[in-house]
Amino acid sequence: MQLTKTFGAFTKSNHSTLCIYKPFLIAMFICGYNYRIFKFNFMFRILSYFYSIILLIIISYSTFMCCNVFTNISQLFSLLEFVSSVLVVMIYSSKLILFFNKLGSIDSILRINTRVYVSHRNSAIIVAILLWLMRISFTLLHCLSYNCYTRDKLILFLINILSSFALDVTRVWRYTLLKMIGHRIKLLRIRLEEMPEQNIFLYVTKMKGVTANKMKMGLSLYRNIADAPLQLLILTTIHLIHITFLIFAPCIVIERYSVEVDRIQFFLVHRLLDEKDSTIKEEVKEFLKYTERRPFQFKIWRCIPVNIILPLEIMYLSYSTII
């Protein structure tokens, strides 16, 4: 009962916490991430959902129209990550408000003031600006290389780039949430180590200080810190899948080269068996010998072959090391 009163005594801190991050959340809403932080009427909520869905459709259409996503696999996976992240935020957006409600109570007990939120927000803004500068530089280089300034595709290309900026925003927001959770776990450990035999101070009421058992309160705080939004785990998993694919994409591309080289060698062997002219046979042999010496197969440090088996070998090596 006492713990319930304690966590219900600091609901106003949630409002101030969200106000600090509100410009960031508004920017994410413009990019399609609907966290339902605006307390308007029911019609506005419906319109916000329609805005996110229509933005998804427009960006998907622009990506397919201005880019050949079936040859540019990285662009396809970026689009899939953007669509899935927007849908995850729409489904689990209420978890964020619940998380910040708990965060206000946790910060009051751990004695965390507004300066911590401001420092986290400023670091998030710096990281976002650096990511956007890198994104703008990459976009300009891409446009200069592939002549994206044609009038018919310029607007579609700019809309397509919005998904990349939106992904950068949600990655910075995910980094901010993880940093907030890590900071509170560290402070919880410090508070537990401070005079462990004494009770923890909560607040003052009727000229009396209210305290609670440090172990029970520490367990309750730890549970609330651990109840981070589920969308954080899902978005991190999606991002890791995207990064893993980009890391192993050269293996897939090189394997496609190897398949074509095998087909060429198969054709040359049949030509060698069916050909009657000795001169042409010699030319076919030279061609076949050259393809064997230059088979489009690459090795790392001249010993690790880069092919489709490399990701499986890394997984097997990691599994064997853990065992």
Protein backbone atom coordinates (compact mmCIF):
# COMPACT_ATOMS: atom_id res chain seq x y z
CA MET A 1 0.00 0.00 0.00
CA GLN A 2 2.81 2.36 0.88
CA LEU A 3 4.59 1.65 -2.39
CA THR A 4 1.41 2.40 -4.32
CA LYS A 5 1.03 5.75 -2.58
CA THR A 6 4.66 6.52 -3.26
CA PHE A 7 4.39 5.88 -6.99
CA GLY A 8 1.14 7.83 -7.17
CA ALA A 9 2.56 10.90 -5.47
CA PHE A 10 4.71 12.12 -8.37
CA THR A 11 2.48 12.01 -11.45
CA LYS A 12 3.20 15.64 -12.31
CA SER A 13 6.83 14.85 -13.13
CA ASN A 14 5.66 12.85 -16.12
CA HIS A 15 4.25 16.01 -17.71
CA SER A 16 7.50 17.93 -17.25
CA THR A 17 9.51 14.98 -18.60
CA LEU A 18 7.45 14.77 -21.77
CA CYS A 19 7.60 18.56 -22.20
CA ILE A 20 11.40 18.35 -22.32
CA TYR A 21 11.29 15.79 -25.14
CA LYS A 22 8.19 17.20 -26.85
CA PRO A 23 10.04 18.95 -29.75
CA PHE A 24 11.80 15.66 -30.45
CA LEU A 25 8.52 13.72 -30.34
CA ILE A 26 6.85 16.31 -32.63
CA ALA A 27 9.64 15.81 -35.18
CA MET A 28 9.07 12.05 -34.95
CA PHE A 29 5.32 12.57 -35.44
CA ILE A 30 6.01 14.55 -38.63
CA CYS A 31 8.09 11.57 -39.81
CA GLY A 32 5.15 9.21 -39.16
CA TYR A 33 5.86 7.93 -35.64
CA ASN A 34 2.60 8.38 -33.72
CA TYR A 35 3.35 8.12 -29.99
CA ARG A 36 -0.07 9.60 -29.02
CA ILE A 37 1.48 12.28 -26.84
CA PHE A 38 -1.05 14.95 -27.87
CA LYS A 39 -4.12 14.99 -25.63
CA PHE A 40 -6.72 16.09 -28.17
CA ASN A 41 -10.14 14.74 -29.05
CA PHE A 42 -10.95 11.40 -30.59
CA MET A 43 -11.19 12.79 -34.13
CA PHE A 44 -7.64 14.18 -33.97
CA ARG A 45 -6.34 10.77 -32.90
CA ILE A 46 -8.06 9.12 -35.85
CA LEU A 47 -6.60 11.75 -38.19
CA SER A 48 -3.11 11.18 -36.74
CA TYR A 49 -3.42 7.46 -37.49
CA PHE A 50 -4.55 8.22 -41.04
CA TYR A 51 -1.62 10.61 -41.46
CA SER A 52 0.89 7.91 -40.48
CA ILE A 53 -0.69 5.33 -42.80
CA ILE A 54 -0.94 7.74 -45.76
CA LEU A 55 2.68 8.81 -45.21
CA LEU A 56 3.73 5.14 -45.29
CA ILE A 57 1.90 4.63 -48.59
CA ILE A 58 3.38 7.79 -50.16
CA ILE A 59 6.95 6.97 -49.12
CA SER A 60 6.60 3.34 -50.28
CA TYR A 61 5.22 4.48 -53.64
CA SER A 62 8.00 7.07 -54.05
CA THR A 63 10.67 4.50 -53.23
CA PHE A 64 9.38 2.01 -55.80
CA MET A 65 8.98 4.70 -58.45
CA CYS A 66 12.34 6.44 -58.16
CA CYS A 67 14.53 3.47 -57.13
CA ASN A 68 14.85 -0.05 -58.41
CA VAL A 69 14.49 -1.67 -54.99
CA PHE A 70 14.85 -5.20 -56.34
CA THR A 71 18.42 -4.51 -57.42
CA ASN A 72 19.19 -2.06 -54.60
CA ILE A 73 18.63 -4.42 -51.66
CA SER A 74 19.84 -1.88 -49.11
CA GLN A 75 17.11 0.56 -50.18
CA LEU A 76 14.51 -2.20 -49.90
CA PHE A 77 15.59 -3.14 -46.38
CA SER A 78 15.61 0.52 -45.32
CA LEU A 79 12.04 0.83 -46.54
CA LEU A 80 11.02 -2.36 -44.72
CA GLU A 81 12.67 -1.12 -41.52
CA PHE A 82 10.85 2.22 -41.78
CA VAL A 83 7.44 0.62 -42.41
CA SER A 84 7.83 -1.95 -39.63
CA SER A 85 9.09 0.65 -37.12
CA VAL A 86 6.14 2.97 -37.80
CA LEU A 87 3.68 0.10 -37.38
CA VAL A 88 5.37 -1.04 -34.15
CA VAL A 89 5.15 2.49 -32.72
CA MET A 90 1.46 2.70 -33.66
CA ILE A 91 0.70 -0.60 -31.93
CA TYR A 92 2.77 -0.08 -28.75
CA SER A 93 2.57 3.71 -28.38
CA SER A 94 0.64 3.51 -25.07
CA LYS A 95 3.62 1.70 -23.53
CA LEU A 96 5.70 4.88 -23.82
CA ILE A 97 3.27 6.95 -21.72
CA LEU A 98 3.19 4.18 -19.10
CA PHE A 99 6.99 4.09 -19.12
CA PHE A 100 7.25 7.84 -18.52
CA ASN A 101 4.65 7.62 -15.74
CA LYS A 102 6.87 5.11 -13.97
CA LEU A 103 9.95 7.17 -14.81
CA GLY A 104 8.64 10.18 -12.92
CA SER A 105 8.17 8.15 -9.73
CA ILE A 106 11.54 6.45 -10.13
CA ASP A 107 13.36 9.77 -10.56
CA SER A 108 11.73 11.25 -7.47
CA ILE A 109 12.98 8.39 -5.31
CA LEU A 110 16.43 8.19 -6.92
CA ARG A 111 16.74 12.00 -6.63
CA ILE A 112 17.19 12.71 -10.33
CA ASN A 113 16.47 16.31 -11.33
CA THR A 114 15.57 17.95 -14.62
CA ARG A 115 19.20 18.65 -15.56
CA VAL A 116 19.70 14.97 -16.33
CA TYR A 117 16.84 15.06 -18.83
CA VAL A 118 18.21 18.22 -20.40
CA SER A 119 21.69 16.69 -20.79
CA HIS A 120 20.19 13.55 -22.37
CA ARG A 121 18.10 15.70 -24.70
CA ASN A 122 21.11 17.82 -25.72
CA SER A 123 23.24 14.74 -26.42
CA ALA A 124 20.38 13.29 -28.50
CA ILE A 125 20.14 16.54 -30.51
CA ILE A 126 23.90 16.51 -31.16
CA VAL A 127 23.81 12.88 -32.33
CA ALA A 128 20.79 13.61 -34.54
CA ILE A 129 22.51 16.62 -36.15
CA LEU A 130 25.65 14.58 -36.86
CA LEU A 131 23.58 11.77 -38.41
CA TRP A 132 21.61 14.22 -40.53
CA LEU A 133 24.78 15.93 -41.75
CA MET A 134 26.15 12.54 -42.79
CA ARG A 135 22.82 11.70 -44.43
CA ILE A 136 22.71 15.01 -46.35
CA SER A 137 26.32 14.54 -47.53
CA PHE A 138 25.60 11.01 -48.70
CA THR A 139 22.41 12.16 -50.47
CA LEU A 140 24.23 14.95 -52.32
CA LEU A 141 26.98 12.57 -53.43
CA HIS A 142 24.36 10.08 -54.58
CA CYS A 143 22.52 12.76 -56.57
CA LEU A 144 25.73 13.99 -58.19
CA SER A 145 26.74 10.44 -59.12
CA TYR A 146 23.39 9.20 -60.46
CA ASN A 147 21.86 12.47 -61.76
CA CYS A 148 18.82 12.53 -59.46
CA TYR A 149 17.97 16.11 -60.38
CA THR A 150 15.55 15.21 -63.16
CA ARG A 151 12.27 17.04 -62.78
CA ASP A 152 10.05 13.97 -63.02
CA LYS A 153 11.78 12.10 -60.17
CA LEU A 154 13.10 14.90 -57.96
CA ILE A 155 9.99 15.14 -55.75
CA LEU A 156 9.73 11.34 -55.46
CA PHE A 157 13.39 11.15 -54.55
CA LEU A 158 13.03 13.79 -51.83
CA ILE A 159 10.01 11.97 -50.36
CA ASN A 160 11.99 8.73 -50.43
CA ILE A 161 14.85 10.39 -48.51
CA LEU A 162 12.34 11.28 -45.75
CA SER A 163 12.27 7.61 -44.69
CA SER A 164 16.04 7.66 -44.11
CA PHE A 165 15.78 10.84 -42.00
CA ALA A 166 12.90 9.26 -40.05
CA LEU A 167 14.98 6.15 -39.34
CA ASP A 168 17.79 8.37 -38.04
CA VAL A 169 15.32 10.11 -35.71
CA THR A 170 13.96 6.87 -34.26
CA ARG A 171 17.48 5.47 -33.81
CA VAL A 172 18.47 8.56 -31.82
CA TRP A 173 15.27 8.27 -29.76
CA ARG A 174 16.03 4.61 -29.07
CA TYR A 175 19.57 5.58 -28.04
CA THR A 176 18.11 8.21 -25.67
CA LEU A 177 15.74 5.72 -24.02
CA LEU A 178 18.52 3.18 -23.56
CA LYS A 179 20.75 5.87 -22.06
CA MET A 180 17.97 6.88 -19.65
CA ILE A 181 17.48 3.28 -18.53
CA GLY A 182 21.22 2.71 -18.09
CA HIS A 183 21.61 5.89 -16.04
CA ARG A 184 18.81 4.87 -13.67
CA ILE A 185 20.20 1.38 -13.18
CA LYS A 186 23.54 2.95 -12.24
CA LEU A 187 21.87 5.33 -9.77
CA LEU A 188 19.83 2.50 -8.27
CA ARG A 189 23.05 0.62 -7.57
CA ILE A 190 24.54 3.74 -5.94
CA ARG A 191 21.45 4.28 -3.76
CA LEU A 192 21.49 0.66 -2.62
CA GLU A 193 25.14 0.93 -1.63
CA GLU A 194 24.54 4.11 0.40
CA MET A 195 24.10 2.99 4.03
CA PRO A 196 22.38 -0.31 3.14
CA GLU A 197 21.17 -0.89 6.71
CA GLN A 198 18.97 2.24 6.69
CA ASN A 199 15.60 2.80 5.03
CA ILE A 200 15.32 4.92 1.89
CA PHE A 201 13.79 8.40 2.14
CA LEU A 202 10.70 8.97 -0.03
CA TYR A 203 9.07 12.33 0.63
CA VAL A 204 7.77 14.65 3.39
CA THR A 205 4.10 14.81 4.39
CA LYS A 206 2.54 16.57 7.40
CA MET A 207 5.98 17.68 8.59
CA LYS A 208 7.16 14.05 8.72
CA GLY A 209 9.60 12.22 6.50
CA VAL A 210 8.23 9.06 4.90
CA THR A 211 10.69 6.20 4.47
CA ALA A 212 10.45 2.66 3.12
CA ASN A 213 12.39 -0.57 3.31
CA LYS A 214 15.39 -0.16 1.01
CA MET A 215 15.32 -3.73 -0.31
CA LYS A 216 11.59 -3.73 -1.11
CA MET A 217 11.78 -0.30 -2.67
CA GLY A 218 14.90 -1.26 -4.64
CA LEU A 219 13.10 -4.33 -6.00
CA SER A 220 10.08 -2.25 -6.98
CA LEU A 221 12.30 0.35 -8.68
CA TYR A 222 14.24 -2.33 -10.51
CA ARG A 223 11.00 -3.89 -11.81
CA ASN A 224 9.77 -0.54 -13.07
CA ILE A 225 13.08 0.26 -14.75
CA ALA A 226 13.13 -3.19 -16.35
CA ASP A 227 9.62 -2.66 -17.76
CA ALA A 228 10.99 -0.64 -20.66
CA PRO A 229 8.68 -0.23 -23.66
CA LEU A 230 8.34 -3.43 -25.66
CA GLN A 231 8.71 -1.41 -28.87
CA LEU A 232 12.33 -0.68 -27.83
CA LEU A 233 13.19 -4.37 -28.07
CA ILE A 234 11.29 -4.85 -31.35
CA LEU A 235 12.83 -1.78 -33.02
CA THR A 236 16.31 -2.83 -31.88
CA THR A 237 15.76 -6.32 -33.30
CA ILE A 238 14.60 -4.93 -36.65
CA HIS A 239 17.60 -2.60 -36.81
CA LEU A 240 20.03 -5.42 -35.96
CA ILE A 241 18.52 -7.60 -38.70
CA HIS A 242 19.02 -4.74 -41.17
CA ILE A 243 22.63 -4.18 -40.07
CA THR A 244 23.38 -7.91 -40.18
CA PHE A 245 22.05 -8.11 -43.72
CA LEU A 246 24.15 -5.13 -44.82
CA ILE A 247 27.27 -6.72 -43.29
CA PHE A 248 26.74 -10.01 -45.10
CA ALA A 249 25.40 -8.49 -48.35
CA PRO A 250 28.85 -8.77 -50.07
CA CYS A 251 28.76 -12.52 -49.42
CA ILE A 252 25.45 -12.77 -51.28
CA VAL A 253 26.67 -10.60 -54.17
CA ILE A 254 29.90 -12.58 -54.55
CA GLU A 255 27.95 -15.83 -54.46
CA ARG A 256 25.88 -14.57 -57.40
CA TYR A 257 29.13 -13.91 -59.29
CA SER A 258 30.31 -17.42 -58.51
CA VAL A 259 27.07 -18.92 -59.83
CA GLU A 260 27.51 -17.10 -63.14
CA VAL A 261 31.17 -18.19 -63.38
CA ASP A 262 30.11 -21.82 -62.77
CA ARG A 263 27.60 -21.54 -65.59
CA ILE A 264 30.26 -20.14 -67.90
CA GLN A 265 32.62 -23.00 -67.00
CA PHE A 266 29.81 -25.52 -67.53
CA PHE A 267 29.18 -24.10 -71.00
CA LEU A 268 32.90 -24.13 -71.84
CA VAL A 269 33.27 -27.78 -70.78
CA HIS A 270 30.37 -28.79 -73.04
CA ARG A 271 31.82 -26.71 -75.86
CA LEU A 272 35.16 -28.44 -75.36
CA LEU A 273 33.55 -31.86 -75.58
CA ASP A 274 31.45 -31.07 -78.65
CA GLU A 275 33.94 -28.99 -80.63
CA LYS A 276 35.83 -30.65 -83.53
CA ASP A 277 38.15 -27.82 -84.48
CA SER A 278 41.46 -28.06 -82.58
CA THR A 279 42.11 -24.30 -82.78
CA ILE A 280 38.81 -23.48 -81.14
CA LYS A 281 39.47 -26.21 -78.55
CA GLU A 282 42.70 -24.50 -77.58
CA GLU A 283 40.93 -21.18 -77.23
CA VAL A 284 38.22 -22.79 -75.09
CA LYS A 285 40.89 -24.40 -72.90
CA GLU A 286 42.60 -21.04 -72.40
CA PHE A 287 39.27 -19.44 -71.52
CA LEU A 288 38.47 -22.27 -69.11
CA LYS A 289 41.90 -22.08 -67.49
CA TYR A 290 41.57 -18.33 -67.02
CA THR A 291 38.18 -18.69 -65.35
CA GLU A 292 39.70 -21.23 -62.97
CA ARG A 293 42.49 -18.81 -62.05
CA ARG A 294 40.13 -15.81 -61.76
CA PRO A 295 36.84 -17.28 -60.44
CA PHE A 296 35.55 -14.04 -58.81
CA GLN A 297 36.16 -15.52 -55.37
CA PHE A 298 37.62 -13.27 -52.70
CA LYS A 299 39.37 -14.10 -49.47
CA ILE A 300 39.98 -12.17 -46.26
CA TRP A 301 43.68 -12.24 -45.39
CA ARG A 302 44.09 -14.86 -48.18
CA CYS A 303 42.56 -17.59 -45.99
CA ILE A 304 38.86 -16.82 -45.21
CA PRO A 305 36.67 -17.21 -48.33
CA VAL A 306 33.90 -14.64 -48.77
CA ASN A 307 30.87 -16.65 -49.86
CA ILE A 308 27.37 -17.57 -48.76
CA ILE A 309 28.77 -20.04 -46.20
CA LEU A 310 30.66 -17.32 -44.28
CA PRO A 311 27.66 -16.15 -42.16
CA LEU A 312 26.85 -19.76 -41.26
CA GLU A 313 30.48 -20.43 -40.34
CA ILE A 314 30.53 -17.33 -38.09
CA MET A 315 27.31 -18.50 -36.40
CA TYR A 316 28.75 -22.00 -35.94
CA LEU A 317 32.00 -20.59 -34.53
CA SER A 318 30.10 -18.36 -32.08
CA TYR A 319 27.90 -21.27 -31.02
CA SER A 320 30.91 -23.55 -30.52
CA THR A 321 32.74 -20.87 -28.51
CA ILE A 322 29.75 -20.38 -26.20
CA ILE A 323 29.46 -24.13 -25.58
